[in-house]
C-alpha atoms as a PDB file:
ATOM      1  CA  UNK A   1      27.544  -1.560 -10.694  1.00  0.00           C
ATOM      2  CA  UNK A   2      23.835  -1.484 -11.505  1.00  0.00           C
ATOM      3  CA  UNK A   3      21.078  -1.337  -8.904  1.00  0.00           C
ATOM      4  CA  UNK A   4      18.408  -3.897  -9.727  1.00  0.00           C
ATOM      5  CA  UNK A   5      14.906  -4.441  -8.385  1.00  0.00           C
ATOM      6  CA  UNK A   6      14.019  -8.116  -8.842  1.00  0.00           C
ATOM      7  CA  UNK A   7      10.299  -8.744  -9.324  1.00  0.00           C
ATOM      8  CA  UNK A   8       8.461 -11.412  -7.348  1.00  0.00           C
ATOM      9  CA  UNK A   9       8.199 -13.763 -10.337  1.00  0.00           C
ATOM     10  CA  UNK A  10      11.993 -13.901 -10.716  1.00  0.00           C
ATOM     11  CA  UNK A  11      12.484 -14.605  -6.988  1.00  0.00           C
ATOM     12  CA  UNK A  12       9.895 -17.392  -7.060  1.00  0.00           C
ATOM     13  CA  UNK A  13      11.616 -19.001 -10.048  1.00  0.00           C
ATOM     14  CA  UNK A  14      14.915 -18.793  -8.161  1.00  0.00           C
ATOM     15  CA  UNK A  15      13.466 -20.352  -5.008  1.00  0.00           C
ATOM     16  CA  UNK A  16      12.002 -23.262  -6.989  1.00  0.00           C
ATOM     17  CA  UNK A  17      15.249 -24.036  -8.816  1.00  0.00           C
ATOM     18  CA  UNK A  18      18.409 -22.056  -8.166  1.00  0.00           C
ATOM     19  CA  UNK A  19      19.012 -19.751 -11.111  1.00  0.00           C
ATOM     20  CA  UNK A  20      22.670 -19.119 -11.945  1.00  0.00           C
ATOM     21  CA  UNK A  21      21.733 -15.756 -13.447  1.00  0.00           C
ATOM     22  CA  UNK A  22      20.383 -14.556 -10.092  1.00  0.00           C
ATOM     23  CA  UNK A  23      23.365 -15.913  -8.197  1.00  0.00           C
ATOM     24  CA  UNK A  24      25.707 -14.074 -10.573  1.00  0.00           C
ATOM     25  CA  UNK A  25      23.761 -10.837 -10.157  1.00  0.00           C
ATOM     26  CA  UNK A  26      23.708 -11.212  -6.375  1.00  0.00           C
ATOM     27  CA  UNK A  27      27.514 -11.331  -6.456  1.00  0.00           C
ATOM     28  CA  UNK A  28      28.122  -8.628  -9.062  1.00  0.00           C
ATOM     29  CA  UNK A  29      25.311  -6.091  -8.785  1.00  0.00           C
ATOM     30  CA  UNK A  30      23.431  -4.238  -6.080  1.00  0.00           C
ATOM     31  CA  UNK A  31      20.019  -5.770  -5.490  1.00  0.00           C
ATOM     32  CA  UNK A  32      17.289  -3.651  -3.940  1.00  0.00           C
ATOM     33  CA  UNK A  33      13.807  -4.602  -2.831  1.00  0.00           C
ATOM     34  CA  UNK A  34      10.397  -3.023  -2.506  1.00  0.00           C
ATOM     35  CA  UNK A  35       7.852  -3.376   0.331  1.00  0.00           C
ATOM     36  CA  UNK A  36       5.230  -4.820  -2.029  1.00  0.00           C
ATOM     37  CA  UNK A  37       7.625  -7.478  -3.363  1.00  0.00           C
ATOM     38  CA  UNK A  38       8.602  -8.367   0.196  1.00  0.00           C
ATOM     39  CA  UNK A  39       4.925  -8.613   1.097  1.00  0.00           C
ATOM     40  CA  UNK A  40       4.229 -10.982  -1.779  1.00  0.00           C
ATOM     41  CA  UNK A  41       7.228 -13.106  -0.847  1.00  0.00           C
ATOM     42  CA  UNK A  42       6.165 -13.211   2.808  1.00  0.00           C
ATOM     43  CA  UNK A  43       2.941 -14.806   1.606  1.00  0.00           C
ATOM     44  CA  UNK A  44       4.375 -17.167  -0.953  1.00  0.00           C
ATOM     45  CA  UNK A  45       7.876 -18.281   0.004  1.00  0.00           C
ATOM     46  CA  UNK A  46       8.146 -21.890   1.159  1.00  0.00           C
ATOM     47  CA  UNK A  47       5.736 -23.842   3.316  1.00  0.00           C
ATOM     48  CA  UNK A  48       8.542 -25.016   5.602  1.00  0.00           C
ATOM     49  CA  UNK A  49       8.723 -22.406   8.414  1.00  0.00           C
ATOM     50  CA  UNK A  50      12.489 -22.656   8.966  1.00  0.00           C
ATOM     51  CA  UNK A  51      13.328 -22.335   5.244  1.00  0.00           C
ATOM     52  CA  UNK A  52      10.830 -19.510   4.924  1.00  0.00           C
ATOM     53  CA  UNK A  53      12.389 -17.656   7.851  1.00  0.00           C
ATOM     54  CA  UNK A  54      15.901 -17.953   6.385  1.00  0.00           C
ATOM     55  CA  UNK A  55      14.761 -16.544   3.041  1.00  0.00           C
ATOM     56  CA  UNK A  56      12.828 -13.694   4.655  1.00  0.00           C
ATOM     57  CA  UNK A  57      15.852 -12.783   6.800  1.00  0.00           C
ATOM     58  CA  UNK A  58      18.076 -12.664   3.716  1.00  0.00           C
ATOM     59  CA  UNK A  59      15.579 -10.563   1.766  1.00  0.00           C
ATOM     60  CA  UNK A  60      15.210  -8.164   4.679  1.00  0.00           C
ATOM     61  CA  UNK A  61      18.947  -7.413   4.453  1.00  0.00           C
ATOM     62  CA  UNK A  62      18.464  -5.812   1.029  1.00  0.00           C
ATOM     63  CA  UNK A  63      18.053  -2.070   0.683  1.00  0.00           C
ATOM     64  CA  UNK A  64      14.318  -1.452   0.478  1.00  0.00           C
ATOM     65  CA  UNK A  65      12.912   1.311  -1.729  1.00  0.00           C
ATOM     66  CA  UNK A  66      10.251   3.545  -0.219  1.00  0.00           C
ATOM     67  CA  UNK A  67       6.574   2.728  -0.508  1.00  0.00           C
ATOM     68  CA  UNK A  68       4.931   5.677  -2.212  1.00  0.00           C
ATOM     69  CA  UNK A  69       1.419   6.921  -1.503  1.00  0.00           C
ATOM     70  CA  UNK A  70      -1.371   5.605  -3.662  1.00  0.00           C
ATOM     71  CA  UNK A  71      -2.316   9.147  -4.690  1.00  0.00           C
ATOM     72  CA  UNK A  72       1.179   9.665  -6.086  1.00  0.00           C
ATOM     73  CA  UNK A  73       0.895   6.388  -8.000  1.00  0.00           C
ATOM     74  CA  UNK A  74      -2.510   7.424  -9.377  1.00  0.00           C
ATOM     75  CA  UNK A  75      -0.867  10.605 -10.704  1.00  0.00           C
ATOM     76  CA  UNK A  76       1.928   8.500 -12.236  1.00  0.00           C
ATOM     77  CA  UNK A  77      -0.606   6.161 -13.874  1.00  0.00           C
ATOM     78  CA  UNK A  78      -2.423   9.122 -15.400  1.00  0.00           C
ATOM     79  CA  UNK A  79       0.653  11.088 -16.468  1.00  0.00           C
ATOM     80  CA  UNK A  80       2.235   8.027 -18.121  1.00  0.00           C
ATOM     81  CA  UNK A  81      -1.095   6.797 -19.519  1.00  0.00           C
ATOM     82  CA  UNK A  82      -0.611   3.363 -17.955  1.00  0.00           C
ATOM     83  CA  UNK A  83      -4.327   2.620 -17.887  1.00  0.00           C
ATOM     84  CA  UNK A  84      -5.323  -0.173 -20.259  1.00  0.00           C
ATOM     85  CA  UNK A  85      -1.714  -1.444 -20.488  1.00  0.00           C
ATOM     86  CA  UNK A  86      -2.531  -4.745 -18.739  1.00  0.00           C
ATOM     87  CA  UNK A  87      -0.385  -4.228 -15.668  1.00  0.00           C
ATOM     88  CA  UNK A  88      -1.477  -4.369 -12.046  1.00  0.00           C
ATOM     89  CA  UNK A  89      -1.418  -1.711  -9.374  1.00  0.00           C
ATOM     90  CA  UNK A  90       1.643  -3.274  -7.727  1.00  0.00           C
ATOM     91  CA  UNK A  91       3.388  -3.159 -11.110  1.00  0.00           C
ATOM     92  CA  UNK A  92       2.710   0.573 -11.364  1.00  0.00           C
ATOM     93  CA  UNK A  93       4.278   1.019  -7.908  1.00  0.00           C
ATOM     94  CA  UNK A  94       7.359  -0.896  -9.067  1.00  0.00           C
ATOM     95  CA  UNK A  95       7.660   1.133 -12.276  1.00  0.00           C
ATOM     96  CA  UNK A  96       7.416   4.393 -10.379  1.00  0.00           C
ATOM     97  CA  UNK A  97      10.011   3.286  -7.837  1.00  0.00           C
ATOM     98  CA  UNK A  98      12.485   2.170 -10.480  1.00  0.00           C
ATOM     99  CA  UNK A  99      12.255   5.488 -12.296  1.00  0.00           C
ATOM    100  CA  UNK A 100      12.372   7.604  -9.126  1.00  0.00           C
ATOM    101  CA  UNK A 101      15.358   5.711  -7.702  1.00  0.00           C
ATOM    102  CA  UNK A 102      17.240   5.183 -10.989  1.00  0.00           C
ATOM    103  CA  UNK A 103      17.013   1.416 -10.559  1.00  0.00           C
ATOM    104  CA  UNK A 104      16.611  -1.264 -13.226  1.00  0.00           C
ATOM    105  CA  UNK A 105      13.658  -3.650 -13.023  1.00  0.00           C
ATOM    106  CA  UNK A 106      14.087  -7.356 -13.727  1.00  0.00           C
ATOM    107  CA  UNK A 107      10.756  -9.053 -14.401  1.00  0.00           C
ATOM    108  CA  UNK A 108       9.298 -11.921 -16.419  1.00  0.00           C
ATOM    109  CA  UNK A 109       5.905 -10.186 -16.705  1.00  0.00           C
ATOM    110  CA  UNK A 110       5.604  -9.430 -20.430  1.00  0.00           C
ATOM    111  CA  UNK A 111       3.426  -6.336 -20.108  1.00  0.00           C
ATOM    112  CA  UNK A 112       5.466  -4.860 -17.280  1.00  0.00           C
ATOM    113  CA  UNK A 113       8.713  -5.623 -19.115  1.00  0.00           C
ATOM    114  CA  UNK A 114       7.460  -3.871 -22.254  1.00  0.00           C
ATOM    115  CA  UNK A 115       6.629  -0.730 -20.272  1.00  0.00           C
ATOM    116  CA  UNK A 116       9.919  -0.854 -18.372  1.00  0.00           C
ATOM    117  CA  UNK A 117      11.782  -1.041 -21.679  1.00  0.00           C
ATOM    118  CA  UNK A 118       9.809   1.907 -23.042  1.00  0.00           C
ATOM    119  CA  UNK A 119      10.699   3.883 -19.896  1.00  0.00           C
ATOM    120  CA  UNK A 120      14.367   2.826 -20.033  1.00  0.00           C
ATOM    121  CA  UNK A 121      14.285   1.130 -16.654  1.00  0.00           C
ATOM    122  CA  UNK A 122      14.390  -2.587 -17.554  1.00  0.00           C
ATOM    123  CA  UNK A 123      17.277  -4.819 -16.578  1.00  0.00           C
ATOM    124  CA  UNK A 124      16.834  -7.054 -19.646  1.00  0.00           C
END
């Protein structure tokens, strides 16, 4: 069973219209989360407070990877030469966490996906 970190963009797509691929993965794989993904979802999941609360409660049940210090991420960015690769700072946190925790990253972000594939940590 693979451990998969699902990026915010995949979750948002799922919340808009239920995605069978996510439902299948939720039943057959181990899904993990990250504090920065949870933070983004806290800000952007549903306008209806009761629906939002249900989703947040479900997401909070997932294993959450550790948030690493920014200085460690700066070192990772430099050592992997991630500068100029058109990814954001949150993306670099996610990449580091997937490698450190031997987790696969599932994202729709083209630049992040390319790097994850190069680092052998992409789900797709």
